[in-house]
PDB file of N, CA and C in Angstrom:
ATOM      1  N   UNK A   1      90.412 100.143  39.975  1.00  0.00           N
ATOM      2  CA  UNK A   1      89.021  99.826  39.705  1.00  0.00           C
ATOM      3  C   UNK A   1      88.155 101.034  40.080  1.00  0.00           C
ATOM      4  N   UNK A   2      87.322 101.455  39.168  1.00  0.00           N
ATOM      5  CA  UNK A   2      86.478 102.625  39.390  1.00  0.00           C
ATOM      6  C   UNK A   2      85.098 102.171  39.850  1.00  0.00           C
ATOM      7  N   UNK A   3      84.726 102.574  41.057  1.00  0.00           N
ATOM      8  CA  UNK A   3      83.427 102.181  41.603  1.00  0.00           C
ATOM      9  C   UNK A   3      82.348 103.235  41.390  1.00  0.00           C
ATOM     10  N   UNK A   4      82.676 104.292  40.678  1.00  0.00           N
ATOM     11  CA  UNK A   4      81.693 105.348  40.433  1.00  0.00           C
ATOM     12  C   UNK A   4      80.585 104.803  39.540  1.00  0.00           C
ATOM     13  N   UNK A   5      79.346 105.200  39.831  1.00  0.00           N
ATOM     14  CA  UNK A   5      78.243 104.735  38.979  1.00  0.00           C
ATOM     15  C   UNK A   5      78.389 105.303  37.570  1.00  0.00           C
ATOM     16  N   UNK A   6      77.958 104.534  36.605  1.00  0.00           N
ATOM     17  CA  UNK A   6      78.016 105.020  35.229  1.00  0.00           C
ATOM     18  C   UNK A   6      76.934 106.059  35.021  1.00  0.00           C
ATOM     19  N   UNK A   7      77.249 107.048  34.231  1.00  0.00           N
ATOM     20  CA  UNK A   7      76.284 108.109  33.944  1.00  0.00           C
ATOM     21  C   UNK A   7      75.352 107.656  32.832  1.00  0.00           C
ATOM     22  N   UNK A   8      74.099 107.987  32.947  1.00  0.00           N
ATOM     23  CA  UNK A   8      73.184 107.646  31.848  1.00  0.00           C
ATOM     24  C   UNK A   8      73.555 108.459  30.611  1.00  0.00           C
ATOM     25  N   UNK A   9      73.158 107.975  29.471  1.00  0.00           N
ATOM     26  CA  UNK A   9      73.442 108.722  28.246  1.00  0.00           C
ATOM     27  C   UNK A   9      72.687 110.044  28.276  1.00  0.00           C
ATOM     28  N   UNK A  10      73.194 110.995  27.535  1.00  0.00           N
ATOM     29  CA  UNK A  10      72.554 112.314  27.502  1.00  0.00           C
ATOM     30  C   UNK A  10      71.164 112.204  26.880  1.00  0.00           C
ATOM     31  N   UNK A  11      70.207 112.947  27.414  1.00  0.00           N
ATOM     32  CA  UNK A  11      68.869 112.920  26.804  1.00  0.00           C
ATOM     33  C   UNK A  11      68.917 113.576  25.427  1.00  0.00           C
ATOM     34  N   UNK A  12      68.042 113.136  24.575  1.00  0.00           N
ATOM     35  CA  UNK A  12      67.964 113.716  23.241  1.00  0.00           C
ATOM     36  C   UNK A  12      67.356 115.108  23.293  1.00  0.00           C
ATOM     37  N   UNK A  13      67.610 115.893  22.279  1.00  0.00           N
ATOM     38  CA  UNK A  13      67.081 117.247  22.216  1.00  0.00           C
ATOM     39  C   UNK A  13      65.559 117.244  22.271  1.00  0.00           C
ATOM     40  N   UNK A  14      64.925 116.268  21.642  1.00  0.00           N
ATOM     41  CA  UNK A  14      63.462 116.191  21.671  1.00  0.00           C
ATOM     42  C   UNK A  14      62.949 116.016  23.098  1.00  0.00           C
ATOM     43  N   UNK A  15      63.662 115.212  23.895  1.00  0.00           N
ATOM     44  CA  UNK A  15      63.251 115.018  25.285  1.00  0.00           C
ATOM     45  C   UNK A  15      63.398 116.302  26.088  1.00  0.00           C
ATOM     46  N   UNK A  16      64.463 117.046  25.827  1.00  0.00           N
ATOM     47  CA  UNK A  16      64.705 118.280  26.574  1.00  0.00           C
ATOM     48  C   UNK A  16      63.723 119.385  26.216  1.00  0.00           C
ATOM     49  N   UNK A  17      63.268 119.412  24.976  1.00  0.00           N
ATOM     50  CA  UNK A  17      62.383 120.492  24.535  1.00  0.00           C
ATOM     51  C   UNK A  17      60.915 120.096  24.545  1.00  0.00           C
ATOM     52  N   UNK A  18      60.604 118.875  24.966  1.00  0.00           N
ATOM     53  CA  UNK A  18      59.212 118.414  24.954  1.00  0.00           C
ATOM     54  C   UNK A  18      58.299 119.371  25.712  1.00  0.00           C
ATOM     55  N   UNK A  19      58.710 119.793  26.893  1.00  0.00           N
ATOM     56  CA  UNK A  19      57.846 120.651  27.696  1.00  0.00           C
ATOM     57  C   UNK A  19      57.629 122.003  27.035  1.00  0.00           C
ATOM     58  N   UNK A  20      58.550 122.431  26.181  1.00  0.00           N
ATOM     59  CA  UNK A  20      58.380 123.701  25.492  1.00  0.00           C
ATOM     60  C   UNK A  20      57.321 123.618  24.402  1.00  0.00           C
ATOM     61  N   UNK A  21      57.007 122.397  23.972  1.00  0.00           N
ATOM     62  CA  UNK A  21      56.019 122.210  22.914  1.00  0.00           C
ATOM     63  C   UNK A  21      54.588 122.191  23.440  1.00  0.00           C
ATOM     64  N   UNK A  22      54.413 122.132  24.751  1.00  0.00           N
ATOM     65  CA  UNK A  22      53.083 122.052  25.343  1.00  0.00           C
ATOM     66  C   UNK A  22      52.572 123.469  25.597  1.00  0.00           C
ATOM     67  N   UNK A  23      51.455 123.841  24.995  1.00  0.00           N
ATOM     68  CA  UNK A  23      50.918 125.188  25.203  1.00  0.00           C
ATOM     69  C   UNK A  23      50.574 125.433  26.674  1.00  0.00           C
ATOM     70  N   UNK A  24      50.806 126.657  27.124  1.00  0.00           N
ATOM     71  CA  UNK A  24      50.529 127.016  28.514  1.00  0.00           C
ATOM     72  C   UNK A  24      49.066 126.780  28.865  1.00  0.00           C
ATOM     73  N   UNK A  25      48.173 127.025  27.909  1.00  0.00           N
ATOM     74  CA  UNK A  25      46.749 126.818  28.171  1.00  0.00           C
ATOM     75  C   UNK A  25      46.465 125.352  28.501  1.00  0.00           C
ATOM     76  N   UNK A  26      47.132 124.451  27.819  1.00  0.00           N
ATOM     77  CA  UNK A  26      46.929 123.017  28.069  1.00  0.00           C
ATOM     78  C   UNK A  26      47.456 122.634  29.451  1.00  0.00           C
ATOM     79  N   UNK A  27      48.594 123.175  29.824  1.00  0.00           N
ATOM     80  CA  UNK A  27      49.142 122.898  31.155  1.00  0.00           C
ATOM     81  C   UNK A  27      48.187 123.413  32.224  1.00  0.00           C
ATOM     82  N   UNK A  28      47.649 124.608  32.016  1.00  0.00           N
ATOM     83  CA  UNK A  28      46.735 125.194  32.995  1.00  0.00           C
ATOM     84  C   UNK A  28      45.479 124.354  33.166  1.00  0.00           C
ATOM     85  N   UNK A  29      45.028 123.698  32.097  1.00  0.00           N
ATOM     86  CA  UNK A  29      43.831 122.857  32.172  1.00  0.00           C
ATOM     87  C   UNK A  29      44.156 121.489  32.763  1.00  0.00           C
ATOM     88  N   UNK A  30      45.216 120.862  32.256  1.00  0.00           N
ATOM     89  CA  UNK A  30      45.534 119.497  32.677  1.00  0.00           C
ATOM     90  C   UNK A  30      46.157 119.428  34.068  1.00  0.00           C
ATOM     91  N   UNK A  31      46.797 120.498  34.496  1.00  0.00           N
ATOM     92  CA  UNK A  31      47.481 120.492  35.791  1.00  0.00           C
ATOM     93  C   UNK A  31      47.055 121.699  36.631  1.00  0.00           C
ATOM     94  N   UNK A  32      45.761 121.956  36.652  1.00  0.00           N
ATOM     95  CA  UNK A  32      45.249 123.129  37.361  1.00  0.00           C
ATOM     96  C   UNK A  32      45.630 123.114  38.836  1.00  0.00           C
ATOM     97  N   UNK A  33      45.631 121.945  39.468  1.00  0.00           N
ATOM     98  CA  UNK A  33      45.987 121.872  40.886  1.00  0.00           C
ATOM     99  C   UNK A  33      47.448 122.241  41.108  1.00  0.00           C
ATOM    100  N   UNK A  34      48.333 121.832  40.216  1.00  0.00           N
ATOM    101  CA  UNK A  34      49.745 122.174  40.334  1.00  0.00           C
ATOM    102  C   UNK A  34      49.968 123.663  40.097  1.00  0.00           C
ATOM    103  N   UNK A  35      49.298 124.218  39.092  1.00  0.00           N
ATOM    104  CA  UNK A  35      49.412 125.647  38.807  1.00  0.00           C
ATOM    105  C   UNK A  35      48.946 126.454  40.008  1.00  0.00           C
ATOM    106  N   UNK A  36      47.861 126.039  40.631  1.00  0.00           N
ATOM    107  CA  UNK A  36      47.346 126.752  41.802  1.00  0.00           C
ATOM    108  C   UNK A  36      48.317 126.651  42.972  1.00  0.00           C
ATOM    109  N   UNK A  37      48.934 125.499  43.172  1.00  0.00           N
ATOM    110  CA  UNK A  37      49.910 125.341  44.255  1.00  0.00           C
ATOM    111  C   UNK A  37      51.114 126.246  44.030  1.00  0.00           C
ATOM    112  N   UNK A  38      51.583 126.330  42.792  1.00  0.00           N
ATOM    113  CA  UNK A  38      52.711 127.217  42.481  1.00  0.00           C
ATOM    114  C   UNK A  38      52.309 128.660  42.698  1.00  0.00           C
ATOM    115  N   UNK A  39      51.109 129.019  42.256  1.00  0.00           N
ATOM    116  CA  UNK A  39      50.630 130.394  42.417  1.00  0.00           C
ATOM    117  C   UNK A  39      50.582 130.772  43.889  1.00  0.00           C
ATOM    118  N   UNK A  40      50.094 129.857  44.732  1.00  0.00           N
ATOM    119  CA  UNK A  40      50.003 130.157  46.167  1.00  0.00           C
ATOM    120  C   UNK A  40      51.375 130.324  46.795  1.00  0.00           C
ATOM    121  N   UNK A  41      52.338 129.520  46.390  1.00  0.00           N
ATOM    122  CA  UNK A  41      53.682 129.597  46.976  1.00  0.00           C
ATOM    123  C   UNK A  41      54.462 130.804  46.492  1.00  0.00           C
ATOM    124  N   UNK A  42      54.315 131.153  45.218  1.00  0.00           N
ATOM    125  CA  UNK A  42      55.128 132.208  44.621  1.00  0.00           C
ATOM    126  C   UNK A  42      54.506 133.580  44.793  1.00  0.00           C
ATOM    127  N   UNK A  43      53.219 133.670  44.607  1.00  0.00           N
ATOM    128  CA  UNK A  43      52.544 134.965  44.640  1.00  0.00           C
ATOM    129  C   UNK A  43      51.642 135.005  45.866  1.00  0.00           C
ATOM    130  N   UNK A  44      52.230 135.289  47.006  1.00  0.00           N
ATOM    131  CA  UNK A  44      51.449 135.356  48.244  1.00  0.00           C
ATOM    132  C   UNK A  44      51.155 136.813  48.591  1.00  0.00           C
ATOM    133  N   UNK A  45      50.038 137.018  49.221  1.00  0.00           N
ATOM    134  CA  UNK A  45      49.723 138.342  49.731  1.00  0.00           C
ATOM    135  C   UNK A  45      49.003 139.257  48.765  1.00  0.00           C
ATOM    136  N   UNK A  46      48.643 138.792  47.614  1.00  0.00           N
ATOM    137  CA  UNK A  46      47.941 139.652  46.678  1.00  0.00           C
ATOM    138  C   UNK A  46      47.073 138.842  45.746  1.00  0.00           C
ATOM    139  N   UNK A  47      46.019 139.459  45.218  1.00  0.00           N
ATOM    140  CA  UNK A  47      45.150 138.737  44.293  1.00  0.00           C
ATOM    141  C   UNK A  47      45.881 138.471  42.974  1.00  0.00           C
ATOM    142  N   UNK A  48      45.629 137.323  42.412  1.00  0.00           N
ATOM    143  CA  UNK A  48      46.235 136.944  41.137  1.00  0.00           C
ATOM    144  C   UNK A  48      45.108 136.674  40.153  1.00  0.00           C
ATOM    145  N   UNK A  49      45.112 137.365  39.013  1.00  0.00           N
ATOM    146  CA  UNK A  49      44.058 137.127  38.030  1.00  0.00           C
ATOM    147  C   UNK A  49      44.054 135.674  37.564  1.00  0.00           C
ATOM    148  N   UNK A  50      42.873 135.165  37.305  1.00  0.00           N
ATOM    149  CA  UNK A  50      42.747 133.802  36.803  1.00  0.00           C
ATOM    150  C   UNK A  50      43.481 133.681  35.476  1.00  0.00           C
ATOM    151  N   UNK A  51      44.164 132.573  35.287  1.00  0.00           N
ATOM    152  CA  UNK A  51      44.909 132.370  34.052  1.00  0.00           C
ATOM    153  C   UNK A  51      46.341 132.860  34.116  1.00  0.00           C
ATOM    154  N   UNK A  52      46.723 133.515  35.218  1.00  0.00           N
ATOM    155  CA  UNK A  52      48.091 133.999  35.379  1.00  0.00           C
ATOM    156  C   UNK A  52      48.935 132.909  36.014  1.00  0.00           C
ATOM    157  N   UNK A  53      50.075 132.644  35.416  1.00  0.00           N
ATOM    158  CA  UNK A  53      50.986 131.632  35.947  1.00  0.00           C
ATOM    159  C   UNK A  53      52.343 132.295  36.170  1.00  0.00           C
ATOM    160  N   UNK A  54      52.828 132.314  37.403  1.00  0.00           N
ATOM    161  CA  UNK A  54      54.101 132.979  37.701  1.00  0.00           C
ATOM    162  C   UNK A  54      55.306 132.152  37.267  1.00  0.00           C
ATOM    163  N   UNK A  55      55.422 131.933  35.981  1.00  0.00           N
ATOM    164  CA  UNK A  55      56.480 131.062  35.470  1.00  0.00           C
ATOM    165  C   UNK A  55      57.854 131.672  35.690  1.00  0.00           C
ATOM    166  N   UNK A  56      58.015 132.956  35.436  1.00  0.00           N
ATOM    167  CA  UNK A  56      59.332 133.583  35.574  1.00  0.00           C
ATOM    168  C   UNK A  56      59.816 133.504  37.014  1.00  0.00           C
ATOM    169  N   UNK A  57      58.944 133.757  37.962  1.00  0.00           N
ATOM    170  CA  UNK A  57      59.332 133.677  39.366  1.00  0.00           C
ATOM    171  C   UNK A  57      59.667 132.251  39.749  1.00  0.00           C
ATOM    172  N   UNK A  58      58.883 131.320  39.267  1.00  0.00           N
ATOM    173  CA  UNK A  58      59.110 129.918  39.595  1.00  0.00           C
ATOM    174  C   UNK A  58      60.438 129.440  39.012  1.00  0.00           C
ATOM    175  N   UNK A  59      60.699 129.772  37.768  1.00  0.00           N
ATOM    176  CA  UNK A  59      61.930 129.321  37.118  1.00  0.00           C
ATOM    177  C   UNK A  59      63.170 129.963  37.707  1.00  0.00           C
ATOM    178  N   UNK A  60      63.058 131.176  38.235  1.00  0.00           N
ATOM    179  CA  UNK A  60      64.240 131.835  38.776  1.00  0.00           C
ATOM    180  C   UNK A  60      64.752 131.131  40.024  1.00  0.00           C
ATOM    181  N   UNK A  61      63.917 130.324  40.651  1.00  0.00           N
ATOM    182  CA  UNK A  61      64.326 129.618  41.860  1.00  0.00           C
ATOM    183  C   UNK A  61      65.020 128.299  41.551  1.00  0.00           C
ATOM    184  N   UNK A  62      65.062 127.921  40.305  1.00  0.00           N
ATOM    185  CA  UNK A  62      65.657 126.626  39.943  1.00  0.00           C
ATOM    186  C   UNK A  62      67.169 126.729  39.964  1.00  0.00           C
TER     187      UNK A  62
END
């Protein structure tokens, strides 16, 4: 008898790529507090121009 939990079905391609369809400008407006929190954690010790999002640095930590 196998007591391992069943795995959920794989997400569809549309679900996986949904975030890629959202323009960065929209994310910056709708989630400004989150963008600022990421900016503070990733880019410390130096001024960051407004509108700059350290996506590459953030993603490299995943």
